Amino acid sequence: MTRGETETRPSEARSRLLGTAIRIFYAEGIHAVGVDRIIAEAKVTRATFYRHFPGKEDLIVAYLGEIHKMERGGLDSVIAASPKPADALLAVADAIGRNIQSPAFRGCAFLNAAAEYPDPGHPVHRQLIAHRQWFHDTLTGLFTQVAPDSADAAARHFVMLRDGAMAAGCLSDPGLVADTFRRGVEGLVRIHGERGPAAVATGPEPDQR
């Protein structure tokens, strides 16, 4: 292995620390889990931990960054597999519904983090806001192809439906929540599709009275 390959290859210890953080932070909460436990379960030394993460806050930001990458990769794949924007929006809803019904589901990692880090100026809060902005922008891009004049409002509506489903999925029957969420997105796509460019251009029918 060349020196360049060694320098660009991800550290095994860092990967173990992040993998451990993803598993435990998501399942049990961020404040509830200390650095000592992360170090013990990742099977690294304290010096190794601090070599990769100067403090717990740095690990939390990296943890959310990894979750973002996973969610972005999954969403990109779902969208790429859908030939039409309306189909892509429904496919996104289906993917979210499958996540809600997974055995390890514990809500949205970013909403969970927001509850623990409410200060808008905190680096962790800024990380989750950036993730939500990406999600909103992605939906806006899809809705722009369905109904340009109402794309932003439709995307915000989708995000709110998704937030509600992620919270309800921890409190109610996940299958029912996923189905209700899907029906909500179907209605949203249909309503905004009916307000597409043609409908906006033609305007209301003239009064025949």
N, C-alpha and C. Protein backbone atom coordinates (compact mmCIF):
# COMPACT_ATOMS: atom_id res chain seq x y z
N MET A 1 0.85 -1.20 0.00
CA MET A 1 0.00 0.00 0.00
C MET A 1 0.88 1.25 0.00
N THR A 2 0.58 2.20 -0.87
CA THR A 2 1.39 3.41 -0.95
C THR A 2 1.04 4.37 0.18
N ARG A 3 1.91 5.36 0.36
CA ARG A 3 1.65 6.34 1.41
C ARG A 3 0.36 7.11 1.14
N GLY A 4 0.11 7.47 -0.15
CA GLY A 4 -1.10 8.21 -0.48
C GLY A 4 -2.35 7.43 -0.16
N GLU A 5 -2.33 6.10 -0.41
CA GLU A 5 -3.48 5.26 -0.10
C GLU A 5 -3.72 5.21 1.40
N THR A 6 -2.60 5.16 2.18
CA THR A 6 -2.72 5.12 3.63
C THR A 6 -3.33 6.40 4.17
N GLU A 7 -2.93 7.55 3.56
CA GLU A 7 -3.40 8.84 4.05
C GLU A 7 -4.87 9.07 3.74
N THR A 8 -5.36 8.50 2.60
CA THR A 8 -6.75 8.74 2.22
C THR A 8 -7.69 7.67 2.77
N ARG A 9 -7.14 6.56 3.22
CA ARG A 9 -7.99 5.49 3.75
C ARG A 9 -8.57 5.90 5.11
N PRO A 10 -9.87 5.75 5.31
CA PRO A 10 -10.46 6.12 6.60
C PRO A 10 -9.85 5.31 7.74
N SER A 11 -9.65 5.97 8.88
CA SER A 11 -9.11 5.28 10.05
C SER A 11 -10.11 4.24 10.55
N GLU A 12 -9.62 3.03 10.80
CA GLU A 12 -10.49 1.97 11.33
C GLU A 12 -11.04 2.36 12.70
N ALA A 13 -10.18 2.97 13.52
CA ALA A 13 -10.62 3.37 14.86
C ALA A 13 -11.70 4.45 14.77
N ARG A 14 -11.52 5.40 13.86
CA ARG A 14 -12.52 6.45 13.71
C ARG A 14 -13.85 5.87 13.22
N SER A 15 -13.76 4.92 12.30
CA SER A 15 -14.98 4.27 11.81
C SER A 15 -15.70 3.53 12.93
N ARG A 16 -14.93 2.87 13.80
CA ARG A 16 -15.55 2.15 14.92
C ARG A 16 -16.20 3.13 15.89
N LEU A 17 -15.55 4.25 16.15
CA LEU A 17 -16.11 5.25 17.05
C LEU A 17 -17.42 5.82 16.48
N LEU A 18 -17.42 6.12 15.19
CA LEU A 18 -18.62 6.66 14.57
C LEU A 18 -19.74 5.61 14.52
N GLY A 19 -19.37 4.38 14.19
CA GLY A 19 -20.37 3.32 14.16
C GLY A 19 -21.01 3.10 15.52
N THR A 20 -20.19 3.16 16.56
CA THR A 20 -20.69 3.00 17.92
C THR A 20 -21.60 4.18 18.29
N ALA A 21 -21.16 5.38 17.94
CA ALA A 21 -21.96 6.57 18.24
C ALA A 21 -23.31 6.52 17.53
N ILE A 22 -23.30 6.11 16.26
CA ILE A 22 -24.55 6.03 15.51
C ILE A 22 -25.53 5.07 16.19
N ARG A 23 -25.02 3.94 16.60
CA ARG A 23 -25.87 2.92 17.22
C ARG A 23 -26.42 3.38 18.57
N ILE A 24 -25.55 3.91 19.42
CA ILE A 24 -25.96 4.21 20.80
C ILE A 24 -26.67 5.57 20.90
N PHE A 25 -26.15 6.59 20.24
CA PHE A 25 -26.79 7.90 20.29
C PHE A 25 -28.22 7.81 19.78
N TYR A 26 -28.43 7.09 18.68
CA TYR A 26 -29.76 7.01 18.10
C TYR A 26 -30.71 6.23 19.01
N ALA A 27 -30.22 5.15 19.58
CA ALA A 27 -31.09 4.29 20.38
C ALA A 27 -31.39 4.87 21.76
N GLU A 28 -30.42 5.57 22.36
CA GLU A 28 -30.55 5.96 23.76
C GLU A 28 -30.54 7.46 24.02
N GLY A 29 -30.18 8.25 23.02
CA GLY A 29 -30.08 9.69 23.22
C GLY A 29 -28.64 10.12 23.34
N ILE A 30 -28.39 11.38 23.06
CA ILE A 30 -27.02 11.89 23.04
C ILE A 30 -26.51 12.22 24.44
N HIS A 31 -27.30 12.98 25.20
CA HIS A 31 -26.83 13.37 26.54
C HIS A 31 -26.69 12.17 27.47
N ALA A 32 -27.47 11.13 27.22
CA ALA A 32 -27.45 9.97 28.12
C ALA A 32 -26.21 9.11 27.96
N VAL A 33 -25.46 9.32 26.90
CA VAL A 33 -24.30 8.47 26.61
C VAL A 33 -23.01 9.28 26.75
N GLY A 34 -22.13 8.81 27.61
CA GLY A 34 -20.87 9.51 27.84
C GLY A 34 -19.75 9.01 26.94
N VAL A 35 -18.68 9.78 26.90
CA VAL A 35 -17.51 9.43 26.09
C VAL A 35 -16.91 8.11 26.54
N ASP A 36 -16.88 7.85 27.85
CA ASP A 36 -16.28 6.61 28.35
C ASP A 36 -16.96 5.38 27.77
N ARG A 37 -18.27 5.44 27.64
CA ARG A 37 -18.98 4.29 27.09
C ARG A 37 -18.68 4.11 25.60
N ILE A 38 -18.63 5.21 24.88
CA ILE A 38 -18.28 5.14 23.45
C ILE A 38 -16.91 4.51 23.28
N ILE A 39 -15.96 4.95 24.08
CA ILE A 39 -14.59 4.43 24.00
C ILE A 39 -14.58 2.94 24.30
N ALA A 40 -15.30 2.54 25.35
CA ALA A 40 -15.31 1.13 25.76
C ALA A 40 -15.94 0.25 24.69
N GLU A 41 -17.07 0.67 24.15
CA GLU A 41 -17.77 -0.18 23.18
C GLU A 41 -17.10 -0.17 21.81
N ALA A 42 -16.38 0.91 21.50
CA ALA A 42 -15.65 0.96 20.24
C ALA A 42 -14.30 0.25 20.35
N LYS A 43 -13.93 -0.08 21.60
CA LYS A 43 -12.67 -0.79 21.86
C LYS A 43 -11.46 0.00 21.34
N VAL A 44 -11.40 1.27 21.74
CA VAL A 44 -10.24 2.11 21.44
C VAL A 44 -9.74 2.73 22.74
N THR A 45 -8.57 3.30 22.70
CA THR A 45 -8.04 3.97 23.88
C THR A 45 -8.58 5.40 23.95
N ARG A 46 -8.48 5.99 25.13
CA ARG A 46 -8.92 7.38 25.28
C ARG A 46 -8.08 8.29 24.39
N ALA A 47 -6.78 7.99 24.29
CA ALA A 47 -5.91 8.81 23.43
C ALA A 47 -6.35 8.73 21.97
N THR A 48 -6.76 7.56 21.55
CA THR A 48 -7.23 7.39 20.17
C THR A 48 -8.50 8.20 19.93
N PHE A 49 -9.39 8.15 20.91
CA PHE A 49 -10.63 8.93 20.76
C PHE A 49 -10.32 10.40 20.56
N TYR A 50 -9.49 10.96 21.45
CA TYR A 50 -9.22 12.39 21.39
C TYR A 50 -8.34 12.77 20.21
N ARG A 51 -7.65 11.80 19.62
CA ARG A 51 -6.89 12.09 18.41
C ARG A 51 -7.83 12.35 17.23
N HIS A 52 -8.97 11.65 17.25
CA HIS A 52 -9.94 11.81 16.16
C HIS A 52 -11.00 12.85 16.46
N PHE A 53 -11.37 12.98 17.73
CA PHE A 53 -12.43 13.92 18.13
C PHE A 53 -11.97 14.67 19.38
N PRO A 54 -11.67 15.96 19.24
CA PRO A 54 -11.19 16.73 20.40
C PRO A 54 -12.14 16.71 21.59
N GLY A 55 -13.42 16.48 21.33
CA GLY A 55 -14.40 16.42 22.42
C GLY A 55 -15.66 15.72 21.95
N LYS A 56 -16.58 15.50 22.89
CA LYS A 56 -17.82 14.81 22.55
C LYS A 56 -18.63 15.58 21.51
N GLU A 57 -18.62 16.90 21.61
CA GLU A 57 -19.38 17.70 20.66
C GLU A 57 -18.93 17.43 19.22
N ASP A 58 -17.62 17.26 19.03
CA ASP A 58 -17.10 16.97 17.69
C ASP A 58 -17.61 15.61 17.20
N LEU A 59 -17.69 14.66 18.11
CA LEU A 59 -18.22 13.34 17.74
C LEU A 59 -19.70 13.44 17.37
N ILE A 60 -20.45 14.25 18.09
CA ILE A 60 -21.88 14.39 17.81
C ILE A 60 -22.09 15.01 16.42
N VAL A 61 -21.31 16.05 16.11
CA VAL A 61 -21.42 16.68 14.79
C VAL A 61 -21.07 15.68 13.69
N ALA A 62 -20.03 14.87 13.93
CA ALA A 62 -19.64 13.85 12.95
C ALA A 62 -20.72 12.78 12.83
N TYR A 63 -21.32 12.42 13.95
CA TYR A 63 -22.41 11.43 13.96
C TYR A 63 -23.57 11.90 13.09
N LEU A 64 -24.00 13.15 13.27
CA LEU A 64 -25.08 13.68 12.45
C LEU A 64 -24.66 13.79 10.99
N GLY A 65 -23.38 14.10 10.77
CA GLY A 65 -22.89 14.16 9.40
C GLY A 65 -22.98 12.81 8.70
N GLU A 66 -22.69 11.74 9.44
CA GLU A 66 -22.79 10.39 8.86
C GLU A 66 -24.24 10.01 8.59
N ILE A 67 -25.13 10.37 9.52
CA ILE A 67 -26.55 10.09 9.30
C ILE A 67 -27.04 10.84 8.05
N HIS A 68 -26.58 12.08 7.92
CA HIS A 68 -26.96 12.87 6.74
C HIS A 68 -26.49 12.18 5.46
N LYS A 69 -25.25 11.71 5.45
CA LYS A 69 -24.72 11.04 4.25
C LYS A 69 -25.54 9.80 3.91
N MET A 70 -25.89 9.03 4.92
CA MET A 70 -26.68 7.82 4.68
C MET A 70 -28.06 8.17 4.13
N GLU A 71 -28.71 9.16 4.74
CA GLU A 71 -30.04 9.54 4.28
C GLU A 71 -29.99 10.16 2.89
N ARG A 72 -28.97 10.96 2.64
CA ARG A 72 -28.84 11.57 1.32
C ARG A 72 -28.61 10.51 0.24
N GLY A 73 -27.72 9.55 0.53
CA GLY A 73 -27.47 8.48 -0.43
C GLY A 73 -28.71 7.67 -0.72
N GLY A 74 -29.46 7.35 0.34
CA GLY A 74 -30.69 6.59 0.16
C GLY A 74 -31.72 7.35 -0.65
N LEU A 75 -31.87 8.63 -0.35
CA LEU A 75 -32.87 9.45 -1.06
C LEU A 75 -32.48 9.64 -2.52
N ASP A 76 -31.19 9.87 -2.76
CA ASP A 76 -30.73 10.03 -4.15
C ASP A 76 -31.03 8.78 -4.97
N SER A 77 -30.84 7.62 -4.37
CA SER A 77 -31.11 6.36 -5.07
C SER A 77 -32.59 6.21 -5.38
N VAL A 78 -33.43 6.55 -4.41
CA VAL A 78 -34.89 6.45 -4.60
C VAL A 78 -35.34 7.38 -5.72
N ILE A 79 -34.83 8.60 -5.72
CA ILE A 79 -35.23 9.58 -6.74
C ILE A 79 -34.73 9.16 -8.11
N ALA A 80 -33.50 8.66 -8.17
CA ALA A 80 -32.92 8.24 -9.45
C ALA A 80 -33.69 7.09 -10.08
N ALA A 81 -34.33 6.28 -9.26
CA ALA A 81 -35.07 5.12 -9.76
C ALA A 81 -36.48 5.47 -10.21
N SER A 82 -36.88 6.73 -10.02
CA SER A 82 -38.25 7.15 -10.37
C SER A 82 -38.20 8.08 -11.57
N PRO A 83 -38.78 7.69 -12.70
CA PRO A 83 -38.69 8.49 -13.92
C PRO A 83 -39.44 9.82 -13.87
N LYS A 84 -40.51 9.90 -13.09
CA LYS A 84 -41.31 11.11 -13.03
C LYS A 84 -41.20 11.74 -11.64
N PRO A 85 -41.19 13.08 -11.55
CA PRO A 85 -41.06 13.75 -10.25
C PRO A 85 -42.17 13.38 -9.27
N ALA A 86 -43.41 13.25 -9.76
CA ALA A 86 -44.51 12.88 -8.87
C ALA A 86 -44.29 11.48 -8.31
N ASP A 87 -43.81 10.57 -9.17
CA ASP A 87 -43.50 9.22 -8.70
C ASP A 87 -42.36 9.23 -7.68
N ALA A 88 -41.39 10.11 -7.92
CA ALA A 88 -40.25 10.22 -7.00
C ALA A 88 -40.70 10.67 -5.62
N LEU A 89 -41.62 11.63 -5.57
CA LEU A 89 -42.14 12.12 -4.29
C LEU A 89 -42.87 11.00 -3.54
N LEU A 90 -43.63 10.20 -4.25
CA LEU A 90 -44.32 9.08 -3.61
C LEU A 90 -43.32 8.01 -3.17
N ALA A 91 -42.26 7.82 -3.96
CA ALA A 91 -41.23 6.84 -3.59
C ALA A 91 -40.48 7.29 -2.34
N VAL A 92 -40.26 8.59 -2.22
CA VAL A 92 -39.63 9.13 -1.00
C VAL A 92 -40.52 8.84 0.21
N ALA A 93 -41.83 9.06 0.04
CA ALA A 93 -42.77 8.78 1.12
C ALA A 93 -42.75 7.30 1.50
N ASP A 94 -42.67 6.44 0.49
CA ASP A 94 -42.62 4.99 0.76
C ASP A 94 -41.36 4.62 1.53
N ALA A 95 -40.23 5.23 1.16
CA ALA A 95 -38.96 4.95 1.85
C ALA A 95 -39.03 5.38 3.30
N ILE A 96 -39.63 6.54 3.54
CA ILE A 96 -39.80 7.02 4.92
C ILE A 96 -40.72 6.08 5.68
N GLY A 97 -41.77 5.62 5.03
CA GLY A 97 -42.70 4.68 5.66
C GLY A 97 -42.01 3.38 6.04
N ARG A 98 -41.14 2.87 5.18
CA ARG A 98 -40.40 1.64 5.51
C ARG A 98 -39.49 1.86 6.70
N ASN A 99 -38.89 3.02 6.77
CA ASN A 99 -38.01 3.34 7.90
C ASN A 99 -38.81 3.36 9.21
N ILE A 100 -39.98 3.98 9.16
CA ILE A 100 -40.83 4.05 10.35
C ILE A 100 -41.21 2.65 10.85
N GLN A 101 -41.37 1.72 9.93
CA GLN A 101 -41.79 0.36 10.30
C GLN A 101 -40.63 -0.57 10.62
N SER A 102 -39.40 -0.08 10.52
CA SER A 102 -38.24 -0.94 10.83
C SER A 102 -38.16 -1.17 12.34
N PRO A 103 -37.69 -2.36 12.77
CA PRO A 103 -37.66 -2.69 14.21
C PRO A 103 -36.82 -1.73 15.05
N ALA A 104 -35.76 -1.17 14.46
CA ALA A 104 -34.86 -0.30 15.23
C ALA A 104 -35.27 1.17 15.20
N PHE A 105 -36.45 1.46 14.64
CA PHE A 105 -36.86 2.86 14.51
C PHE A 105 -37.04 3.52 15.87
N ARG A 106 -36.40 4.69 16.02
CA ARG A 106 -36.51 5.47 17.26
C ARG A 106 -36.77 6.94 16.94
N GLY A 107 -37.47 7.19 15.85
CA GLY A 107 -37.75 8.56 15.46
C GLY A 107 -36.67 9.11 14.54
N CYS A 108 -36.75 10.41 14.29
CA CYS A 108 -35.78 11.09 13.43
C CYS A 108 -34.56 11.49 14.25
N ALA A 109 -33.39 11.08 13.81
CA ALA A 109 -32.16 11.40 14.55
C ALA A 109 -31.98 12.91 14.69
N PHE A 110 -32.40 13.66 13.68
CA PHE A 110 -32.20 15.11 13.71
C PHE A 110 -33.23 15.80 14.61
N LEU A 111 -34.47 15.35 14.58
CA LEU A 111 -35.45 15.90 15.50
C LEU A 111 -35.10 15.55 16.94
N ASN A 112 -34.59 14.34 17.14
CA ASN A 112 -34.16 13.94 18.48
C ASN A 112 -33.03 14.84 18.97
N ALA A 113 -32.09 15.13 18.07
CA ALA A 113 -30.97 16.00 18.44
C ALA A 113 -31.45 17.42 18.71
N ALA A 114 -32.45 17.87 17.96
CA ALA A 114 -32.98 19.23 18.17
C ALA A 114 -33.56 19.38 19.56
N ALA A 115 -34.20 18.31 20.07
CA ALA A 115 -34.78 18.35 21.41
C ALA A 115 -33.69 18.46 22.47
N GLU A 116 -32.52 17.91 22.19
CA GLU A 116 -31.42 17.94 23.16
C GLU A 116 -30.52 19.16 22.99
N TYR A 117 -30.54 19.76 21.80
CA TYR A 117 -29.71 20.94 21.53
C TYR A 117 -30.58 22.02 20.89
N PRO A 118 -31.41 22.69 21.68
CA PRO A 118 -32.36 23.68 21.13
C PRO A 118 -31.73 25.02 20.76
N ASP A 119 -30.51 25.30 21.22
CA ASP A 119 -29.88 26.59 20.95
C ASP A 119 -29.52 26.70 19.47
N PRO A 120 -30.11 27.65 18.72
CA PRO A 120 -29.85 27.77 17.29
C PRO A 120 -28.39 28.03 16.95
N GLY A 121 -27.63 28.57 17.90
CA GLY A 121 -26.23 28.87 17.64
C GLY A 121 -25.28 27.72 17.92
N HIS A 122 -25.79 26.65 18.49
CA HIS A 122 -24.93 25.52 18.83
C HIS A 122 -24.54 24.76 17.56
N PRO A 123 -23.28 24.30 17.46
CA PRO A 123 -22.84 23.57 16.26
C PRO A 123 -23.71 22.36 15.93
N VAL A 124 -24.20 21.65 16.95
CA VAL A 124 -25.05 20.48 16.70
C VAL A 124 -26.37 20.94 16.08
N HIS A 125 -26.94 22.01 16.60
CA HIS A 125 -28.21 22.52 16.06
C HIS A 125 -28.02 23.01 14.63
N ARG A 126 -26.90 23.68 14.37
CA ARG A 126 -26.64 24.16 13.02
C ARG A 126 -26.51 22.99 12.04
N GLN A 127 -25.92 21.89 12.51
CA GLN A 127 -25.78 20.71 11.66
C GLN A 127 -27.15 20.16 11.26
N LEU A 128 -28.05 20.09 12.21
CA LEU A 128 -29.37 19.51 11.89
C LEU A 128 -30.20 20.46 11.03
N ILE A 129 -30.01 21.77 11.21
CA ILE A 129 -30.72 22.74 10.36
C ILE A 129 -30.23 22.60 8.91
N ALA A 130 -28.92 22.39 8.74
CA ALA A 130 -28.38 22.22 7.39
C ALA A 130 -28.97 20.97 6.73
N HIS A 131 -29.15 19.90 7.51
CA HIS A 131 -29.74 18.68 6.98
C HIS A 131 -31.19 18.93 6.55
N ARG A 132 -31.93 19.61 7.37
CA ARG A 132 -33.34 19.87 7.04
C ARG A 132 -33.45 20.79 5.83
N GLN A 133 -32.51 21.72 5.69
CA GLN A 133 -32.54 22.59 4.52
C GLN A 133 -32.28 21.79 3.25
N TRP A 134 -31.34 20.85 3.34
CA TRP A 134 -31.08 19.98 2.18
C TRP A 134 -32.35 19.20 1.82
N PHE A 135 -33.02 18.64 2.82
CA PHE A 135 -34.22 17.84 2.55
C PHE A 135 -35.30 18.71 1.91
N HIS A 136 -35.50 19.91 2.47
CA HIS A 136 -36.49 20.83 1.91
C HIS A 136 -36.13 21.20 0.48
N ASP A 137 -34.86 21.50 0.21
CA ASP A 137 -34.44 21.89 -1.13
C ASP A 137 -34.63 20.75 -2.12
N THR A 138 -34.37 19.52 -1.67
CA THR A 138 -34.55 18.36 -2.54
C THR A 138 -36.02 18.21 -2.93
N LEU A 139 -36.89 18.34 -1.95
CA LEU A 139 -38.33 18.25 -2.22
C LEU A 139 -38.80 19.41 -3.11
N THR A 140 -38.27 20.59 -2.86
CA THR A 140 -38.65 21.75 -3.67
C THR A 140 -38.28 21.52 -5.13
N GLY A 141 -37.10 20.92 -5.36
CA GLY A 141 -36.69 20.63 -6.72
C GLY A 141 -37.65 19.69 -7.42
N LEU A 142 -38.15 18.69 -6.69
CA LEU A 142 -39.11 17.75 -7.28
C LEU A 142 -40.46 18.42 -7.50
N PHE A 143 -40.93 19.18 -6.52
CA PHE A 143 -42.22 19.84 -6.67
C PHE A 143 -42.19 20.93 -7.75
N THR A 144 -41.02 21.51 -7.99
CA THR A 144 -40.90 22.51 -9.04
C THR A 144 -41.26 21.92 -10.40
N GLN A 145 -40.97 20.63 -10.56
CA GLN A 145 -41.31 19.95 -11.82
C GLN A 145 -42.79 19.55 -11.87
N VAL A 146 -43.44 19.57 -10.72
CA VAL A 146 -44.86 19.22 -10.66
C VAL A 146 -45.73 20.47 -10.68
N ALA A 147 -45.37 21.44 -9.86
CA ALA A 147 -46.15 22.68 -9.74
C ALA A 147 -45.22 23.82 -9.33
N PRO A 148 -44.58 24.47 -10.31
CA PRO A 148 -43.56 25.49 -10.01
C PRO A 148 -44.04 26.61 -9.09
N ASP A 149 -45.28 27.03 -9.25
CA ASP A 149 -45.76 28.19 -8.50
C ASP A 149 -46.06 27.89 -7.03
N SER A 150 -46.13 26.62 -6.67
CA SER A 150 -46.42 26.29 -5.27
C SER A 150 -45.39 25.32 -4.71
N ALA A 151 -44.23 25.23 -5.36
CA ALA A 151 -43.23 24.22 -4.98
C ALA A 151 -42.73 24.39 -3.54
N ASP A 152 -42.44 25.62 -3.16
CA ASP A 152 -41.89 25.85 -1.82
C ASP A 152 -42.92 25.49 -0.75
N ALA A 153 -44.16 25.92 -0.95
CA ALA A 153 -45.22 25.62 0.02
C ALA A 153 -45.46 24.11 0.09
N ALA A 154 -45.44 23.45 -1.05
CA ALA A 154 -45.65 22.00 -1.08
C ALA A 154 -44.53 21.27 -0.35
N ALA A 155 -43.29 21.72 -0.56
CA ALA A 155 -42.15 21.09 0.11
C ALA A 155 -42.24 21.26 1.62
N ARG A 156 -42.63 22.46 2.06
CA ARG A 156 -42.78 22.69 3.50
C ARG A 156 -43.89 21.81 4.08
N HIS A 157 -44.95 21.64 3.32
CA HIS A 157 -46.06 20.78 3.76
C HIS A 157 -45.58 19.34 3.88
N PHE A 158 -44.81 18.86 2.91
CA PHE A 158 -44.27 17.51 2.94
C PHE A 158 -43.39 17.31 4.18
N VAL A 159 -42.51 18.29 4.44
CA VAL A 159 -41.61 18.19 5.60
C VAL A 159 -42.41 18.10 6.89
N MET A 160 -43.49 18.87 7.00
CA MET A 160 -44.31 18.83 8.20
C MET A 160 -45.03 17.49 8.34
N LEU A 161 -45.51 16.96 7.23
CA LEU A 161 -46.13 15.63 7.26
C LEU A 161 -45.11 14.58 7.72
N ARG A 162 -43.93 14.71 7.19
CA ARG A 162 -42.86 13.76 7.55
C ARG A 162 -42.49 13.88 9.03
N ASP A 163 -42.37 15.11 9.53
CA ASP A 163 -42.04 15.31 10.94
C ASP A 163 -43.10 14.67 11.84
N GLY A 164 -44.36 14.87 11.49
CA GLY A 164 -45.45 14.28 12.27
C GLY A 164 -45.42 12.77 12.23
N ALA A 165 -45.14 12.21 11.05
CA ALA A 165 -45.08 10.75 10.91
C ALA A 165 -43.92 10.18 11.72
N MET A 166 -42.79 10.86 11.73
CA MET A 166 -41.62 10.37 12.46
C MET A 166 -41.89 10.36 13.97
N ALA A 167 -42.62 11.37 14.43
CA ALA A 167 -42.96 11.41 15.86
C ALA A 167 -44.03 10.36 16.18
N ALA A 168 -45.06 10.27 15.35
CA ALA A 168 -46.16 9.33 15.60
C ALA A 168 -45.70 7.89 15.49
N GLY A 169 -44.68 7.64 14.67
CA GLY A 169 -44.20 6.28 14.50
C GLY A 169 -43.65 5.66 15.76
N CYS A 170 -43.27 6.51 16.72
CA CYS A 170 -42.78 6.01 18.02
C CYS A 170 -43.90 5.84 19.04
N LEU A 171 -45.09 6.33 18.70
CA LEU A 171 -46.18 6.35 19.67
C LEU A 171 -47.38 5.50 19.26
N SER A 172 -47.53 5.27 17.97
CA SER A 172 -48.70 4.55 17.46
C SER A 172 -48.26 3.37 16.61
N ASP A 173 -49.23 2.68 16.05
CA ASP A 173 -48.95 1.55 15.17
C ASP A 173 -48.14 2.05 13.96
N PRO A 174 -46.89 1.61 13.80
CA PRO A 174 -46.05 2.11 12.72
C PRO A 174 -46.65 1.89 11.33
N GLY A 175 -47.29 0.74 11.14
CA GLY A 175 -47.90 0.46 9.84
C GLY A 175 -49.00 1.45 9.51
N LEU A 176 -49.83 1.75 10.48
CA LEU A 176 -50.91 2.71 10.29
C LEU A 176 -50.35 4.11 10.05
N VAL A 177 -49.30 4.46 10.78
CA VAL A 177 -48.67 5.78 10.61
C VAL A 177 -48.10 5.90 9.20
N ALA A 178 -47.40 4.86 8.75
CA ALA A 178 -46.80 4.89 7.42
C ALA A 178 -47.87 5.01 6.34
N ASP A 179 -48.97 4.30 6.52
CA ASP A 179 -50.06 4.35 5.54
C ASP A 179 -50.71 5.73 5.53
N THR A 180 -50.94 6.29 6.70
CA THR A 180 -51.55 7.62 6.79
C THR A 180 -50.64 8.67 6.16
N PHE A 181 -49.35 8.55 6.43
CA PHE A 181 -48.38 9.49 5.85
C PHE A 181 -48.39 9.40 4.32
N ARG A 182 -48.40 8.18 3.81
CA ARG A 182 -48.39 7.97 2.36
C ARG A 182 -49.63 8.59 1.71
N ARG A 183 -50.77 8.39 2.35
CA ARG A 183 -52.01 8.97 1.82
C ARG A 183 -51.95 10.50 1.84
N GLY A 184 -51.35 11.04 2.88
CA GLY A 184 -51.19 12.49 2.95
C GLY A 184 -50.33 13.03 1.82
N VAL A 185 -49.23 12.33 1.53
CA VAL A 185 -48.35 12.76 0.44
C VAL A 185 -49.04 12.60 -0.91
N GLU A 186 -49.81 11.53 -1.07
CA GLU A 186 -50.57 11.34 -2.31
C GLU A 186 -51.49 12.54 -2.56
N GLY A 187 -52.21 12.95 -1.50
CA GLY A 187 -53.09 14.10 -1.61
C GLY A 187 -52.33 15.38 -1.93
N LEU A 188 -51.19 15.53 -1.30
CA LEU A 188 -50.36 16.72 -1.50
C LEU A 188 -49.89 16.80 -2.95
N VAL A 189 -49.40 15.68 -3.47
CA VAL A 189 -48.93 15.65 -4.86
C VAL A 189 -50.08 15.90 -5.83
N ARG A 190 -51.22 15.31 -5.55
CA ARG A 190 -52.38 15.49 -6.43
C ARG A 190 -52.84 16.95 -6.44
N ILE A 191 -52.98 17.53 -5.26
CA ILE A 191 -53.47 18.91 -5.16
C ILE A 191 -52.52 19.88 -5.87
N HIS A 192 -51.22 19.73 -5.62
CA HIS A 192 -50.27 20.65 -6.24
C HIS A 192 -50.09 20.35 -7.71
N GLY A 193 -50.29 19.10 -8.09
CA GLY A 193 -50.25 18.77 -9.51
C GLY A 193 -51.36 19.44 -10.27
N GLU A 194 -52.51 19.56 -9.63
CA GLU A 194 -53.66 20.23 -10.26
C GLU A 194 -53.44 21.73 -10.37
N ARG A 195 -52.45 22.24 -9.60
CA ARG A 195 -52.12 23.67 -9.69
C ARG A 195 -50.89 23.89 -10.57
N GLY A 196 -50.62 22.93 -11.41
CA GLY A 196 -49.44 23.00 -12.28
C GLY A 196 -49.49 24.16 -13.25
N PRO A 197 -48.48 24.25 -14.13
CA PRO A 197 -48.36 25.40 -15.04
C PRO A 197 -49.61 25.65 -15.88
N ALA A 198 -50.23 24.56 -16.39
CA ALA A 198 -51.41 24.75 -17.25
C ALA A 198 -52.55 25.38 -16.48
N ALA A 199 -52.78 24.89 -15.25
CA ALA A 199 -53.88 25.42 -14.44
C ALA A 199 -53.64 26.87 -14.08
N VAL A 200 -52.37 27.20 -13.79
CA VAL A 200 -52.05 28.58 -13.42
C VAL A 200 -52.21 29.49 -14.62
N ALA A 201 -51.79 28.99 -15.80
CA ALA A 201 -51.82 29.82 -17.00
C ALA A 201 -53.24 30.12 -17.44
N THR A 202 -54.11 29.15 -17.37
CA THR A 202 -55.48 29.33 -17.85
C THR A 202 -56.33 30.12 -16.87
N GLY A 203 -56.04 29.96 -15.58
CA GLY A 203 -56.81 30.68 -14.57
C GLY A 203 -58.19 30.11 -14.43
N PRO A 204 -59.06 30.75 -13.68
CA PRO A 204 -60.42 30.24 -13.45
C PRO A 204 -61.29 30.34 -14.70
N GLU A 205 -62.26 29.50 -14.75
CA GLU A 205 -63.20 29.54 -15.85
C GLU A 205 -63.99 30.86 -15.80
N PRO A 206 -64.28 31.46 -16.97
CA PRO A 206 -65.06 32.72 -16.96
C PRO A 206 -66.46 32.48 -16.44
N ASP A 207 -67.02 33.50 -15.85
CA ASP A 207 -68.38 33.42 -15.33
C ASP A 207 -69.36 33.35 -16.51
N GLN A 208 -70.13 32.26 -16.58
CA GLN A 208 -71.07 32.06 -17.68
C GLN A 208 -72.45 32.67 -17.40
N ARG A 209 -72.60 33.26 -16.21
CA ARG A 209 -73.94 33.78 -15.90
C ARG A 209 -74.24 35.03 -16.72
